[in-house]
Amino acid sequence: MTDAIKEAYINIERAMYEFNTLLERQVTILHESEASDPIKLDRMKQGAKAMRDSTAIYLSYAKFVAYGMPDSEEMIED
């Protein structure tokens, strides 16, 4: 694939990492807060986990496409 597509993939990967990091930080803040709503905390925990899992699936396929859909994962350059 083109360098522009690979670069776009890398930018998406970084953005998703940052987004998930911020979600986890928010969960920690809510967990440590005495005034935290337990329902909201539970929903944030579930949401953060769902985003982390979805991100892994999305990025796995995006990387596969960005690198030209090679025959095997070993052919993908990091």
C-alpha atoms as a PDB file:
ATOM      1  CA  MET A   1       0.000   0.000   0.000  1.00  0.00           C
ATOM      2  CA  THR A   2       0.998   3.604  -0.228  1.00  0.00           C
ATOM      3  CA  ASP A   3       2.956   5.410   2.428  1.00  0.00           C
ATOM      4  CA  ALA A   4      -0.029   7.748   2.925  1.00  0.00           C
ATOM      5  CA  ILE A   5      -2.301   4.805   3.799  1.00  0.00           C
ATOM      6  CA  LYS A   6       0.269   3.359   6.192  1.00  0.00           C
ATOM      7  CA  GLU A   7       0.741   6.766   7.802  1.00  0.00           C
ATOM      8  CA  ALA A   8      -3.028   7.183   8.167  1.00  0.00           C
ATOM      9  CA  TYR A   9      -3.190   3.781   9.865  1.00  0.00           C
ATOM     10  CA  ILE A  10      -0.434   4.773  12.299  1.00  0.00           C
ATOM     11  CA  ASN A  11      -2.305   7.993  13.116  1.00  0.00           C
ATOM     12  CA  ILE A  12      -5.495   6.032  13.794  1.00  0.00           C
ATOM     13  CA  GLU A  13      -3.564   3.604  15.986  1.00  0.00           C
ATOM     14  CA  ARG A  14      -2.133   6.475  18.038  1.00  0.00           C
ATOM     15  CA  ALA A  15      -5.506   8.199  18.357  1.00  0.00           C
ATOM     16  CA  MET A  16      -7.219   5.003  19.500  1.00  0.00           C
ATOM     17  CA  TYR A  17      -4.459   4.362  22.029  1.00  0.00           C
ATOM     18  CA  GLU A  18      -4.856   7.884  23.410  1.00  0.00           C
ATOM     19  CA  PHE A  19      -8.653   7.577  23.518  1.00  0.00           C
ATOM     20  CA  ASN A  20      -8.487   4.282  25.407  1.00  0.00           C
ATOM     21  CA  THR A  21      -5.877   5.676  27.796  1.00  0.00           C
ATOM     22  CA  LEU A  22      -8.144   8.626  28.586  1.00  0.00           C
ATOM     23  CA  LEU A  23     -11.116   6.317  29.162  1.00  0.00           C
ATOM     24  CA  GLU A  24      -9.079   4.211  31.583  1.00  0.00           C
ATOM     25  CA  ARG A  25      -7.931   7.354  33.365  1.00  0.00           C
ATOM     26  CA  GLN A  26     -11.569   8.452  33.736  1.00  0.00           C
ATOM     27  CA  VAL A  27     -12.471   5.059  35.202  1.00  0.00           C
ATOM     28  CA  THR A  28      -9.633   5.448  37.723  1.00  0.00           C
ATOM     29  CA  ILE A  29     -10.787   8.953  38.643  1.00  0.00           C
ATOM     30  CA  LEU A  30     -14.357   7.774  39.143  1.00  0.00           C
ATOM     31  CA  HIS A  31     -13.178   4.775  41.158  1.00  0.00           C
ATOM     32  CA  GLU A  32     -11.105   6.950  43.484  1.00  0.00           C
ATOM     33  CA  SER A  33     -13.820   9.565  43.943  1.00  0.00           C
ATOM     34  CA  GLU A  34     -15.889   9.183  47.081  1.00  0.00           C
ATOM     35  CA  ALA A  35     -18.770  11.023  45.427  1.00  0.00           C
ATOM     36  CA  SER A  36     -18.755   8.694  42.437  1.00  0.00           C
ATOM     37  CA  ASP A  37     -22.024   7.191  41.276  1.00  0.00           C
ATOM     38  CA  PRO A  38     -21.521   3.385  41.332  1.00  0.00           C
ATOM     39  CA  ILE A  39     -23.821   2.926  38.340  1.00  0.00           C
ATOM     40  CA  LYS A  40     -21.890   5.466  36.290  1.00  0.00           C
ATOM     41  CA  LEU A  41     -18.596   3.867  37.359  1.00  0.00           C
ATOM     42  CA  ASP A  42     -19.810   0.431  36.289  1.00  0.00           C
ATOM     43  CA  ARG A  43     -21.015   1.775  32.948  1.00  0.00           C
ATOM     44  CA  MET A  44     -17.684   3.545  32.366  1.00  0.00           C
ATOM     45  CA  LYS A  45     -15.779   0.355  33.212  1.00  0.00           C
ATOM     46  CA  GLN A  46     -17.894  -1.635  30.764  1.00  0.00           C
ATOM     47  CA  GLY A  47     -17.618   1.062  28.111  1.00  0.00           C
ATOM     48  CA  ALA A  48     -13.848   1.325  28.462  1.00  0.00           C
ATOM     49  CA  LYS A  49     -13.489  -2.443  28.172  1.00  0.00           C
ATOM     50  CA  ALA A  50     -15.768  -2.559  25.134  1.00  0.00           C
ATOM     51  CA  MET A  51     -13.767   0.209  23.450  1.00  0.00           C
ATOM     52  CA  ARG A  52     -10.463  -1.527  24.228  1.00  0.00           C
ATOM     53  CA  ASP A  53     -11.753  -4.801  22.766  1.00  0.00           C
ATOM     54  CA  SER A  54     -13.322  -3.113  19.739  1.00  0.00           C
ATOM     55  CA  THR A  55     -10.166  -1.121  19.117  1.00  0.00           C
ATOM     56  CA  ALA A  56      -8.080  -4.295  19.053  1.00  0.00           C
ATOM     57  CA  ILE A  57     -10.394  -5.874  16.482  1.00  0.00           C
ATOM     58  CA  TYR A  58     -10.615  -2.718  14.373  1.00  0.00           C
ATOM     59  CA  LEU A  59      -6.872  -2.041  14.393  1.00  0.00           C
ATOM     60  CA  SER A  60      -6.051  -5.642  13.578  1.00  0.00           C
ATOM     61  CA  TYR A  61      -8.088  -5.494  10.401  1.00  0.00           C
ATOM     62  CA  ALA A  62      -7.091  -1.908   9.558  1.00  0.00           C
ATOM     63  CA  LYS A  63      -3.412  -2.872   9.754  1.00  0.00           C
ATOM     64  CA  PHE A  64      -4.053  -5.887   7.547  1.00  0.00           C
ATOM     65  CA  VAL A  65      -5.707  -3.661   4.917  1.00  0.00           C
ATOM     66  CA  ALA A  66      -3.170  -0.830   5.250  1.00  0.00           C
ATOM     67  CA  TYR A  67      -0.335  -3.240   4.525  1.00  0.00           C
ATOM     68  CA  GLY A  68      -1.959  -4.529   1.351  1.00  0.00           C
ATOM     69  CA  MET A  69      -3.777  -7.599   2.702  1.00  0.00           C
ATOM     70  CA  PRO A  70      -0.698  -9.869   2.730  1.00  0.00           C
ATOM     71  CA  ASP A  71      -0.938 -13.642   2.706  1.00  0.00           C
ATOM     72  CA  SER A  72       0.235 -13.881   6.317  1.00  0.00           C
ATOM     73  CA  GLU A  73       0.702 -11.606   9.327  1.00  0.00           C
ATOM     74  CA  GLU A  74       4.440 -12.310   9.255  1.00  0.00           C
ATOM     75  CA  MET A  75       4.573 -10.270   6.042  1.00  0.00           C
ATOM     76  CA  ILE A  76       3.384  -7.121   7.847  1.00  0.00           C
ATOM     77  CA  GLU A  77       6.213  -4.725   8.622  1.00  0.00           C
ATOM     78  CA  ASP A  78       6.191  -2.867  11.945  1.00  0.00           C
END
